């Protein structure tokens, strides 16, 4: 019995230490940065972060406006939604999120980049951020989980479902090529059933949808048309003081064909390539 009491007291002591340690750990945290990344269980300031001007993002103005309005609500202290930006690669999902920092930095917005590998530490991350008065967007880029990957449960619980409330000064913005962040198979649909005239999704589908459903805001991104692709090429060339000639247009289309896709990222890559081709 004495041994049981000793272990109980030790458990109580550990519980108290877990509450105290996060505050002590962040006592020396440098809060002077606007951009951070979470690495090795701590915030690391990023001084030279990627600046993105939302006005330069072509053909995704609607998505940019919706996300900006959501961020504005957040900055004003009103309820705002965690956001999932999903769709075709290279279409500006990450750029729109980065643009939020450029737009709202002077009002006190900060951004914390969190990798998929660190997703299981989200509770520690938001607890740390809650100790500071500024507003933080947790930015998780190109996020997806395989069927046997259990780390998505930490994200799922953080969004909704945990007894720990998401702090009012923290939002989560995520990008993914997958609408539901997880792979979907034909078998998932075959396992669904109709009962009393109503469709009942299979357990596998319910599990996959339950993660993405916890994002209050969904924004979809679609592949660019040829005209849109060439529009971004022209804008990118203009930065280098180059023009979109007939020759350049032909080369830009060939460049995209070799990569099997037309999007903003490839347009910028072509402009850089074409700049090198025109240097004396």
Protein backbone atom coordinates (compact mmCIF):
# COMPACT_ATOMS: atom_id res chain seq x y z
CA UNK A 1 0.00 0.00 0.00
CA UNK A 2 2.85 2.40 0.78
CA UNK A 3 4.33 1.68 -2.63
CA UNK A 4 1.03 2.50 -4.31
CA UNK A 5 0.84 5.81 -2.46
CA UNK A 6 4.41 6.62 -3.45
CA UNK A 7 3.69 6.01 -7.13
CA UNK A 8 0.53 8.08 -6.86
CA UNK A 9 2.46 11.00 -5.41
CA UNK A 10 5.06 10.68 -8.16
CA UNK A 11 2.32 10.75 -10.79
CA UNK A 12 0.87 13.90 -9.22
CA UNK A 13 4.31 15.50 -9.22
CA UNK A 14 4.83 14.70 -12.91
CA UNK A 15 1.44 16.17 -13.77
CA UNK A 16 2.44 19.41 -12.07
CA UNK A 17 5.78 19.48 -13.86
CA UNK A 18 4.09 19.06 -17.23
CA UNK A 19 2.02 22.16 -16.51
CA UNK A 20 5.01 24.18 -15.32
CA UNK A 21 7.59 23.17 -17.92
CA UNK A 22 5.99 24.73 -21.03
CA UNK A 23 5.93 28.16 -19.35
CA UNK A 24 9.54 27.81 -18.21
CA UNK A 25 10.57 26.53 -21.60
CA UNK A 26 9.18 29.59 -23.38
CA UNK A 27 10.45 32.11 -20.84
CA UNK A 28 13.51 32.73 -23.02
CA UNK A 29 11.62 32.51 -26.31
CA UNK A 30 12.43 35.32 -28.74
CA UNK A 31 9.03 36.73 -29.72
CA UNK A 32 10.47 39.48 -31.94
CA UNK A 33 10.05 37.55 -35.22
CA UNK A 34 6.98 37.49 -37.46
CA UNK A 35 7.80 34.12 -39.04
CA UNK A 36 8.80 30.94 -37.24
CA UNK A 37 9.23 27.26 -37.86
CA UNK A 38 8.77 24.55 -35.25
CA UNK A 39 11.82 22.32 -35.01
CA UNK A 40 13.23 20.13 -32.26
CA UNK A 41 10.39 21.01 -29.88
CA UNK A 42 10.86 24.76 -30.08
CA UNK A 43 10.07 27.84 -32.12
CA UNK A 44 12.86 29.03 -34.38
CA UNK A 45 12.62 32.54 -35.78
CA UNK A 46 12.89 33.05 -39.55
CA UNK A 47 14.25 36.50 -40.39
CA UNK A 48 14.44 36.19 -44.18
CA UNK A 49 11.03 34.73 -44.99
CA UNK A 50 9.30 34.51 -48.38
CA UNK A 51 7.38 37.71 -49.15
CA UNK A 52 4.29 37.23 -51.31
CA UNK A 53 2.09 40.04 -52.61
CA UNK A 54 -1.48 38.78 -53.03
CA UNK A 55 -2.13 41.28 -55.83
CA UNK A 56 0.41 39.44 -58.00
CA UNK A 57 -1.39 36.09 -57.75
CA UNK A 58 -3.28 35.75 -61.03
CA UNK A 59 -6.47 33.75 -61.62
CA UNK A 60 -6.94 32.84 -57.95
CA UNK A 61 -8.32 36.21 -56.82
CA UNK A 62 -11.55 34.68 -55.50
CA UNK A 63 -9.74 32.24 -53.23
CA UNK A 64 -7.36 34.97 -52.08
CA UNK A 65 -10.25 37.29 -51.19
CA UNK A 66 -12.11 34.61 -49.20
CA UNK A 67 -9.03 33.64 -47.20
CA UNK A 68 -8.16 37.29 -46.60
CA UNK A 69 -11.65 37.94 -45.19
CA UNK A 70 -11.27 34.97 -42.86
CA UNK A 71 -7.89 36.26 -41.66
CA UNK A 72 -9.36 39.73 -41.18
CA UNK A 73 -12.03 38.27 -38.89
CA UNK A 74 -9.28 36.54 -36.94
CA UNK A 75 -7.24 39.73 -36.57
CA UNK A 76 -10.31 41.65 -35.35
CA UNK A 77 -10.91 39.08 -32.63
CA UNK A 78 -14.00 37.59 -34.27
CA UNK A 79 -14.56 33.84 -34.79
CA UNK A 80 -12.65 32.55 -37.81
CA UNK A 81 -12.28 29.16 -39.50
CA UNK A 82 -9.30 26.87 -39.87
CA UNK A 83 -8.75 26.54 -43.62
CA UNK A 84 -7.91 23.72 -46.02
CA UNK A 85 -6.62 24.76 -49.44
CA UNK A 86 -6.66 21.75 -51.76
CA UNK A 87 -6.28 21.01 -55.44
CA UNK A 88 -3.86 20.95 -58.36
CA UNK A 89 -0.18 21.39 -57.63
CA UNK A 90 1.54 24.67 -58.39
CA UNK A 91 -1.66 26.74 -58.52
CA UNK A 92 -0.88 29.14 -55.67
CA UNK A 93 -2.19 27.43 -52.53
CA UNK A 94 0.96 28.02 -50.51
CA UNK A 95 1.46 31.50 -51.94
CA UNK A 96 -1.98 32.65 -50.82
CA UNK A 97 -1.25 31.58 -47.25
CA UNK A 98 2.15 33.28 -47.25
CA UNK A 99 0.48 36.42 -48.58
CA UNK A 100 -1.56 36.64 -45.37
CA UNK A 101 1.61 37.40 -43.42
CA UNK A 102 2.58 40.16 -45.83
CA UNK A 103 -0.92 41.65 -45.67
CA UNK A 104 -1.48 41.54 -41.90
CA UNK A 105 2.05 41.63 -40.46
CA UNK A 106 1.78 45.28 -39.44
CA UNK A 107 -1.37 44.44 -37.47
CA UNK A 108 0.51 41.83 -35.44
CA UNK A 109 0.03 38.63 -37.42
CA UNK A 110 2.74 35.96 -37.18
CA UNK A 111 3.13 32.65 -38.99
CA UNK A 112 4.53 29.34 -37.77
CA UNK A 113 5.52 26.70 -40.32
CA UNK A 114 4.91 23.17 -39.07
CA UNK A 115 5.96 20.11 -41.06
CA UNK A 116 3.92 16.94 -41.30
CA UNK A 117 6.54 15.21 -39.17
CA UNK A 118 5.80 17.66 -36.37
CA UNK A 119 2.01 17.28 -36.64
CA UNK A 120 1.95 15.03 -33.59
CA UNK A 121 3.33 17.96 -31.54
CA UNK A 122 0.46 20.33 -32.34
CA UNK A 123 -0.77 20.39 -28.76
CA UNK A 124 2.66 21.55 -27.57
CA UNK A 125 2.83 24.10 -30.37
CA UNK A 126 -0.52 25.76 -29.69
CA UNK A 127 0.17 25.70 -25.94
CA UNK A 128 3.41 27.57 -26.56
CA UNK A 129 1.73 30.10 -28.87
CA UNK A 130 -1.07 30.71 -26.38
CA UNK A 131 1.52 32.18 -23.98
CA UNK A 132 2.03 35.15 -26.30
CA UNK A 133 -0.54 37.83 -27.06
CA UNK A 134 0.05 38.06 -30.82
CA UNK A 135 -2.04 36.30 -33.47
CA UNK A 136 -0.56 33.18 -35.08
CA UNK A 137 -1.38 31.19 -38.20
CA UNK A 138 0.01 27.65 -38.12
CA UNK A 139 1.00 26.91 -41.72
CA UNK A 140 1.16 23.25 -42.78
CA UNK A 141 2.13 22.85 -46.42
CA UNK A 142 1.51 19.94 -48.79
CA UNK A 143 -0.06 17.85 -46.08
CA UNK A 144 -1.29 14.33 -46.74
CA UNK A 145 -1.42 11.09 -44.82
CA UNK A 146 -1.21 7.48 -45.92
CA UNK A 147 -3.78 4.94 -44.79
CA UNK A 148 -1.49 3.46 -42.15
CA UNK A 149 -0.26 6.83 -40.87
CA UNK A 150 -1.58 7.53 -37.38
CA UNK A 151 -0.10 11.03 -37.05
CA UNK A 152 -3.21 12.59 -38.63
CA UNK A 153 -5.08 11.93 -35.38
CA UNK A 154 -3.16 14.71 -33.62
CA UNK A 155 -4.30 17.19 -36.25
CA UNK A 156 -7.83 15.86 -36.10
CA UNK A 157 -7.98 16.23 -32.32
CA UNK A 158 -6.43 19.71 -32.42
CA UNK A 159 -9.01 20.98 -34.90
CA UNK A 160 -11.95 19.66 -32.91
CA UNK A 161 -12.53 16.83 -30.52
CA UNK A 162 -9.93 17.40 -27.83
CA UNK A 163 -10.73 18.59 -24.34
CA UNK A 164 -8.05 21.24 -24.90
CA UNK A 165 -9.58 24.29 -26.60
CA UNK A 166 -7.82 25.80 -29.60
CA UNK A 167 -6.54 29.20 -28.38
CA UNK A 168 -8.26 32.31 -29.72
CA UNK A 169 -4.92 33.59 -31.03
CA UNK A 170 -4.19 30.53 -33.21
CA UNK A 171 -5.56 29.46 -36.62
CA UNK A 172 -4.47 26.53 -38.78
CA UNK A 173 -4.09 26.93 -42.56
CA UNK A 174 -3.19 23.78 -44.51
CA UNK A 175 -2.52 22.97 -48.17
CA UNK A 176 -2.91 19.56 -49.78
CA UNK A 177 -3.26 17.98 -53.20
CA UNK A 178 -5.91 15.70 -51.66
CA UNK A 179 -9.35 16.99 -50.81
CA UNK A 180 -9.61 14.76 -47.75
CA UNK A 181 -5.88 14.69 -46.95
CA UNK A 182 -5.89 10.90 -47.19
CA UNK A 183 -5.90 8.43 -50.12
CA UNK A 184 -9.27 7.20 -51.37
CA UNK A 185 -9.90 3.87 -53.02
CA UNK A 186 -12.71 2.29 -55.01
CA UNK A 187 -13.10 -0.31 -52.28
CA UNK A 188 -14.09 2.41 -49.83
CA UNK A 189 -17.09 3.22 -52.03
CA UNK A 190 -17.97 -0.45 -52.55
CA UNK A 191 -18.11 -0.94 -48.78
CA UNK A 192 -20.82 1.73 -48.50
CA UNK A 193 -24.43 0.59 -48.19
CA UNK A 194 -28.00 1.80 -48.60
CA UNK A 195 -30.25 1.38 -45.57
CA UNK A 196 -33.89 2.47 -45.54
CA UNK A 197 -33.28 4.43 -48.73
CA UNK A 198 -30.35 6.39 -47.29
CA UNK A 199 -26.69 6.08 -48.27
CA UNK A 200 -24.40 5.07 -45.39
CA UNK A 201 -20.76 5.71 -46.08
CA UNK A 202 -18.27 2.98 -45.21
CA UNK A 203 -16.26 3.34 -42.02
CA UNK A 204 -13.15 4.03 -44.11
CA UNK A 205 -14.81 6.94 -45.92
CA UNK A 206 -16.23 8.33 -42.70
CA UNK A 207 -12.78 8.27 -41.12
CA UNK A 208 -11.18 10.08 -44.05
CA UNK A 209 -13.91 12.69 -44.39
CA UNK A 210 -13.97 13.35 -40.65
CA UNK A 211 -10.50 14.95 -40.81
CA UNK A 212 -11.16 17.39 -43.66
CA UNK A 213 -14.63 18.18 -42.31
CA UNK A 214 -13.03 19.77 -39.26
CA UNK A 215 -11.71 22.58 -41.40
CA UNK A 216 -14.43 25.22 -41.47
CA UNK A 217 -13.19 26.74 -44.73
CA UNK A 218 -12.40 24.80 -47.91
CA UNK A 219 -10.86 26.47 -50.94
CA UNK A 220 -10.35 24.50 -54.16
CA UNK A 221 -7.69 25.14 -56.83
CA UNK A 222 -7.88 23.82 -60.39
CA UNK A 223 -5.34 23.39 -63.21
CA UNK A 224 -4.67 26.47 -65.33
CA UNK A 225 -5.90 26.78 -68.87
CA UNK A 226 -3.33 27.53 -71.58
CA UNK A 227 -4.41 31.17 -71.60
CA UNK A 228 -4.01 31.47 -67.84
CA UNK A 229 -0.62 29.77 -67.92
CA UNK A 230 0.63 32.20 -70.59
CA UNK A 231 -0.76 35.09 -68.55
CA UNK A 232 1.42 34.12 -65.59
CA UNK A 233 4.38 33.61 -67.93
CA UNK A 234 3.92 37.15 -69.26
CA UNK A 235 3.74 38.59 -65.75
CA UNK A 236 6.86 36.68 -64.66
CA UNK A 237 8.80 37.77 -67.73
CA UNK A 238 7.82 41.37 -67.08
CA UNK A 239 9.68 41.26 -63.75
CA UNK A 240 12.83 40.48 -65.73
CA UNK A 241 12.01 43.21 -68.29
CA UNK A 242 11.32 40.62 -70.96
CA UNK A 243 8.32 40.43 -73.32
CA UNK A 244 6.08 37.56 -74.34
CA UNK A 245 6.85 37.27 -78.05
CA UNK A 246 5.61 34.58 -80.43
CA UNK A 247 8.89 32.75 -79.96
CA UNK A 248 8.67 33.00 -76.18
CA UNK A 249 5.06 31.78 -76.23
CA UNK A 250 6.04 28.70 -78.23
CA UNK A 251 8.94 27.92 -75.90
CA UNK A 252 6.76 28.44 -72.82
CA UNK A 253 4.20 25.92 -74.09
CA UNK A 254 6.94 23.44 -74.95
CA UNK A 255 8.41 23.92 -71.46
CA UNK A 256 5.03 23.11 -69.86
CA UNK A 257 4.44 20.11 -72.14
CA UNK A 258 7.73 18.58 -71.06
CA UNK A 259 6.56 18.77 -67.46
CA UNK A 260 3.08 17.50 -68.14
CA UNK A 261 1.29 20.39 -66.50
CA UNK A 262 0.45 24.09 -66.81
CA UNK A 263 0.48 26.07 -63.58
CA UNK A 264 1.90 29.16 -61.93
CA UNK A 265 4.96 27.40 -60.56
CA UNK A 266 5.99 26.12 -63.99
CA UNK A 267 5.34 29.58 -65.48
CA UNK A 268 7.77 31.13 -62.99
CA UNK A 269 10.31 28.40 -63.65
CA UNK A 270 10.09 29.03 -67.37
CA UNK A 271 10.62 32.77 -66.89
CA UNK A 272 13.80 32.05 -64.92
CA UNK A 273 14.95 29.61 -67.60
CA UNK A 274 14.21 32.11 -70.39
CA UNK A 275 16.08 34.86 -68.55
CA UNK A 276 19.19 32.65 -68.57
CA UNK A 277 18.74 31.99 -72.26
CA UNK A 278 18.73 35.72 -73.00
CA UNK A 279 21.77 36.73 -70.96
CA UNK A 280 24.75 37.81 -72.99
